[in-house]
Protein backbone atom coordinates (compact mmCIF):
# COMPACT_ATOMS: atom_id res chain seq x y z
CA MET A 1 68.48 109.46 49.82
CA LYS A 2 69.39 106.46 51.96
CA VAL A 3 72.49 105.86 49.87
CA LEU A 4 73.58 109.44 50.37
CA ASP A 5 73.02 109.18 54.13
CA PHE A 6 75.10 105.99 54.29
CA TYR A 7 77.86 107.65 52.26
CA ALA A 8 77.87 110.60 54.65
CA GLU A 9 78.21 108.31 57.69
CA VAL A 10 81.07 106.36 56.11
CA THR A 11 83.00 109.49 55.18
CA GLN A 12 82.58 110.87 58.70
CA PHE A 13 83.81 107.66 60.39
CA GLN A 14 87.01 108.31 62.35
CA PRO A 15 88.71 105.15 63.66
CA GLN A 16 91.23 107.13 65.72
CA GLN A 17 88.48 108.99 67.56
CA LEU A 18 86.61 105.73 68.20
CA TRP A 19 89.81 104.13 69.56
CA GLN A 20 90.41 107.10 71.85
CA GLN A 21 86.86 106.92 73.19
CA GLY A 22 87.31 103.21 73.88
CA ARG A 23 90.56 103.83 75.77
CA THR A 24 88.93 106.59 77.82
CA ARG A 25 86.05 104.32 78.84
CA LEU A 26 88.42 101.46 79.64
CA ALA A 27 90.57 103.75 81.82
CA LYS A 28 87.52 104.43 83.99
CA VAL A 29 87.06 100.74 84.77
CA ASP A 30 88.52 99.73 88.15
CA PRO A 31 90.78 96.69 87.53
CA LYS A 32 91.12 95.80 91.25
CA PRO A 33 88.06 93.50 91.54
CA PHE A 34 89.18 91.43 88.55
CA TYR A 35 92.79 91.41 89.75
CA THR A 36 91.75 90.21 93.22
CA TRP A 37 89.48 87.53 91.75
CA ALA A 38 92.17 86.31 89.32
CA ILE A 39 94.88 86.12 92.01
CA ARG A 40 92.66 84.10 94.35
CA LYS A 41 91.69 81.69 91.57
CA LEU A 42 95.33 81.22 90.57
CA VAL A 43 96.53 80.61 94.14
CA LYS A 44 93.75 78.09 94.84
CA LEU A 45 94.56 76.31 91.58
CA LEU A 46 98.28 76.03 92.37
CA TYR A 47 98.08 75.16 96.08
CA ARG A 48 95.97 73.41 98.70
CA ILE A 49 95.90 75.91 101.54
CA ASP A 50 94.73 75.59 105.11
CA TYR A 51 93.93 79.00 106.56
CA ASN A 52 93.80 78.91 110.35
CA ASP A 53 92.48 81.54 112.78
CA MET A 54 92.11 84.24 110.11
CA ASN A 55 89.39 85.77 112.31
CA MET A 56 92.25 87.19 114.40
CA ILE A 57 92.61 89.91 111.73
CA PRO A 58 90.41 92.90 112.60
CA LYS A 59 87.73 93.59 109.99
CA GLN A 60 88.34 97.31 110.09
CA GLY A 61 90.79 99.86 111.41
CA GLY A 62 94.53 100.24 111.01
CA ALA A 63 96.64 97.15 111.72
CA ILE A 64 99.89 95.47 110.68
CA LEU A 65 100.34 91.86 109.62
CA ILE A 66 103.80 90.36 110.12
CA CYS A 67 104.87 87.08 108.53
CA ASN A 68 107.89 84.93 107.77
CA HIS A 69 109.13 85.33 104.18
CA VAL A 70 109.55 82.02 102.36
CA SER A 71 108.93 82.65 98.65
CA TYR A 72 107.85 85.11 95.99
CA MET A 73 104.29 83.78 96.34
CA ASP A 74 103.86 84.76 100.01
CA GLY A 75 101.96 87.97 99.33
CA MET A 76 99.51 86.28 96.96
CA VAL A 77 98.85 83.48 99.46
CA ILE A 78 98.17 86.03 102.21
CA ASN A 79 95.93 88.12 99.93
CA THR A 80 93.86 85.05 99.10
CA GLY A 81 93.11 84.33 102.76
CA VAL A 82 92.47 87.88 103.97
CA GLU A 83 89.08 89.45 103.28
CA ARG A 84 90.36 93.04 103.49
CA PRO A 85 92.69 94.75 101.00
CA VAL A 86 96.31 94.41 102.15
CA ARG A 87 99.05 96.96 101.45
CA TYR A 88 102.62 95.66 101.42
CA ILE A 89 105.89 97.31 102.34
CA ILE A 90 108.20 96.06 99.62
CA ASP A 91 111.82 96.38 98.50
CA GLU A 92 112.18 99.33 96.14
CA ASP A 93 114.08 97.33 93.49
CA ILE A 94 111.29 94.74 93.28
CA TYR A 95 108.64 97.46 93.34
CA HIS A 96 110.09 99.04 90.19
CA LEU A 97 110.55 95.83 88.18
CA PRO A 98 108.84 96.07 84.76
CA GLY A 99 105.47 94.32 84.89
CA VAL A 100 105.61 93.98 88.68
CA ASN A 101 105.33 97.74 89.17
CA TYR A 102 101.80 97.86 87.72
CA PHE A 103 100.50 95.35 90.27
CA MET A 104 102.41 97.02 93.12
CA ARG A 105 100.72 100.34 92.31
CA LEU A 106 97.38 98.56 92.00
CA ASN A 107 97.89 97.19 95.53
CA ASN A 108 98.99 100.59 96.88
CA ALA A 109 102.24 98.96 98.00
CA VAL A 110 104.90 101.09 99.71
CA PRO A 111 108.45 100.89 98.29
CA ILE A 112 111.37 101.11 100.69
CA ALA A 113 115.15 101.10 100.30
CA PRO A 114 118.04 101.15 102.83
CA ARG A 115 118.41 104.93 102.54
CA ARG A 116 117.39 107.49 105.12
CA ASP A 117 115.18 109.48 102.74
CA SER A 118 113.43 106.33 101.48
CA VAL A 119 112.82 105.01 105.00
CA GLU A 120 111.44 108.36 106.18
CA LYS A 121 109.08 108.59 103.22
CA ALA A 122 107.88 105.00 103.71
CA LEU A 123 107.27 105.58 107.43
CA GLU A 124 105.21 108.69 106.64
CA ILE A 125 103.09 106.83 104.06
CA VAL A 126 102.48 103.92 106.43
CA ALA A 127 101.61 106.24 109.33
CA GLU A 128 99.07 108.08 107.20
CA GLY A 129 97.60 104.80 105.90
CA LEU A 130 97.24 103.35 109.40
CA LYS A 131 95.47 106.50 110.59
CA ASN A 132 93.08 106.08 107.66
CA GLY A 133 92.33 102.49 108.69
CA ASP A 134 94.49 100.61 106.15
CA LEU A 135 95.81 97.09 106.72
CA PHE A 136 99.53 96.67 106.03
CA CYS A 137 101.72 93.59 105.77
CA ILE A 138 105.45 93.54 106.34
CA PHE A 139 107.99 90.73 106.28
CA PRO A 140 110.25 91.79 109.18
CA GLU A 141 113.17 89.63 107.98
CA GLY A 142 113.57 92.07 105.11
CA GLN A 143 114.26 89.33 102.57
CA ILE A 144 113.20 85.86 101.47
CA THR A 145 114.87 83.19 103.58
CA PHE A 146 117.92 81.42 102.15
CA THR A 147 117.71 78.51 104.63
CA GLY A 148 114.03 77.90 105.28
CA ASN A 149 114.48 79.14 108.84
CA LEU A 150 113.39 82.42 110.36
CA SER A 151 116.04 85.14 110.08
CA ARG A 152 116.62 87.93 112.57
CA PHE A 153 113.97 90.66 112.34
CA ARG A 154 114.84 94.20 111.36
CA PHE A 155 113.57 97.18 113.32
CA GLY A 156 111.42 98.82 110.62
CA VAL A 157 108.17 97.51 112.05
CA GLU A 158 109.07 98.91 115.50
CA TRP A 159 109.66 102.35 113.97
CA MET A 160 106.22 102.17 112.34
CA LEU A 161 104.55 101.27 115.62
CA LYS A 162 106.27 104.08 117.50
CA ARG A 163 104.67 106.55 115.12
CA THR A 164 101.28 104.86 115.00
CA PRO A 165 100.59 102.16 117.63
CA VAL A 166 98.12 99.70 116.10
CA PRO A 167 97.41 95.98 116.62
CA VAL A 168 100.06 93.64 115.22
CA ILE A 169 98.90 90.25 113.98
CA PRO A 170 101.61 87.57 113.63
CA MET A 171 101.27 85.02 110.81
CA ALA A 172 103.26 81.93 109.85
CA LEU A 173 103.57 80.29 106.44
CA ASN A 174 104.55 76.65 106.14
CA GLY A 175 104.91 74.50 103.04
CA LEU A 176 106.38 76.91 100.47
CA TRP A 177 110.02 76.20 101.27
CA GLY A 178 111.36 74.00 98.48
CA SER A 179 108.86 75.27 95.91
CA MET A 180 110.33 76.68 92.69
CA LEU A 181 109.68 80.26 93.86
CA SER A 182 111.61 79.79 97.10
CA ARG A 183 115.40 80.08 97.38
CA LYS A 184 116.10 76.49 98.36
CA ASP A 185 117.65 75.58 95.00
CA ARG A 186 118.97 79.05 94.18
CA GLY A 187 121.52 78.95 91.36
CA LYS A 188 120.72 75.41 90.29
CA TRP A 189 119.58 74.63 86.75
CA TYR A 190 116.48 72.72 87.87
CA ARG A 191 115.24 75.45 90.21
CA PHE A 192 112.21 76.40 88.08
CA ILE A 193 111.13 72.86 87.31
CA PRO A 194 107.92 72.17 89.29
CA ARG A 195 108.37 69.30 91.74
CA SER A 196 104.76 69.05 92.83
CA PHE A 197 101.33 70.27 91.85
CA ARG A 198 98.89 71.70 94.36
CA ARG A 199 101.45 71.74 97.16
CA HIS A 200 99.92 71.74 100.64
CA ILE A 201 100.41 75.04 102.49
CA THR A 202 99.41 76.28 105.92
CA LEU A 203 98.91 79.90 106.94
CA ARG A 204 98.18 80.42 110.62
CA CYS A 205 97.34 83.67 112.44
CA GLY A 206 98.15 84.40 116.05
CA ALA A 207 96.42 86.64 118.56
CA PRO A 208 96.81 90.41 117.99
CA MET A 209 99.57 92.10 119.98
CA GLU A 210 99.39 95.64 121.31
CA GLY A 211 101.50 97.88 119.11
CA ASP A 212 102.62 100.19 121.91
CA LYS A 213 103.94 97.33 124.04
CA VAL A 214 105.40 94.79 121.60
CA SER A 215 109.07 94.58 120.57
CA VAL A 216 110.85 92.96 117.62
CA SER A 217 111.94 90.14 119.92
CA HIS A 218 108.33 89.42 120.97
CA MET A 219 107.21 89.43 117.34
CA GLN A 220 109.93 87.00 116.31
CA HIS A 221 109.06 84.58 119.12
CA ALA A 222 105.36 84.79 118.23
CA ILE A 223 106.02 83.82 114.61
CA MET A 224 108.44 81.04 115.58
CA ASP A 225 105.73 79.58 117.83
CA LEU A 226 103.16 79.75 115.02
CA MET A 227 105.61 78.11 112.58
CA ASN A 228 106.09 75.20 114.97
CA ARG A 229 102.34 74.84 115.47
CA ALA A 230 101.67 74.93 111.72
CA LYS A 231 103.96 71.97 110.95
């Protein structure tokens, strides 16, 4: 009888159904905690980072972080030092890159392109997120620096604040210029050869600024001051 029972179980075994059940269960698992943990471990392995005055970032409520843009690692470095989840406003072309897109969606990033419809949609998403208490980060230069210096800010962040005035927290990154993921050696064959391990980096926060009173010029001066202090 036992042999017959075993035979019945074997003949009823359906690998495809078992695989589908496994995929369904896996889909219900939230990957964000592991992703956050893995990113922080990676960043701390690659760099020695001094985080200064991070208590300036409000622990709850809508707010916008602004920072100079030095390398492709900037977002990960910021994420590692901020206790709250951070949503990024990111170039649409980068957002849709294969492989990158998965992590952008995981971070609830907002894609934006220099088109009226794209800008309007991004502004609406950001306004809704801020009203719901989300923390956003934007690099007001609109691109990674080509010189290591701070470029002129674009007006996107001002448009966001006109719709939803929230605190703006300036931040300054120092130490990533010259790393292989910066643009210092753009176009050169040795660009992606590591020149140092555990590079020393500084990320400094400034005092929050009132969103309904601050201008792009004030924001740029605030970050320039923090960059000089972080050296």
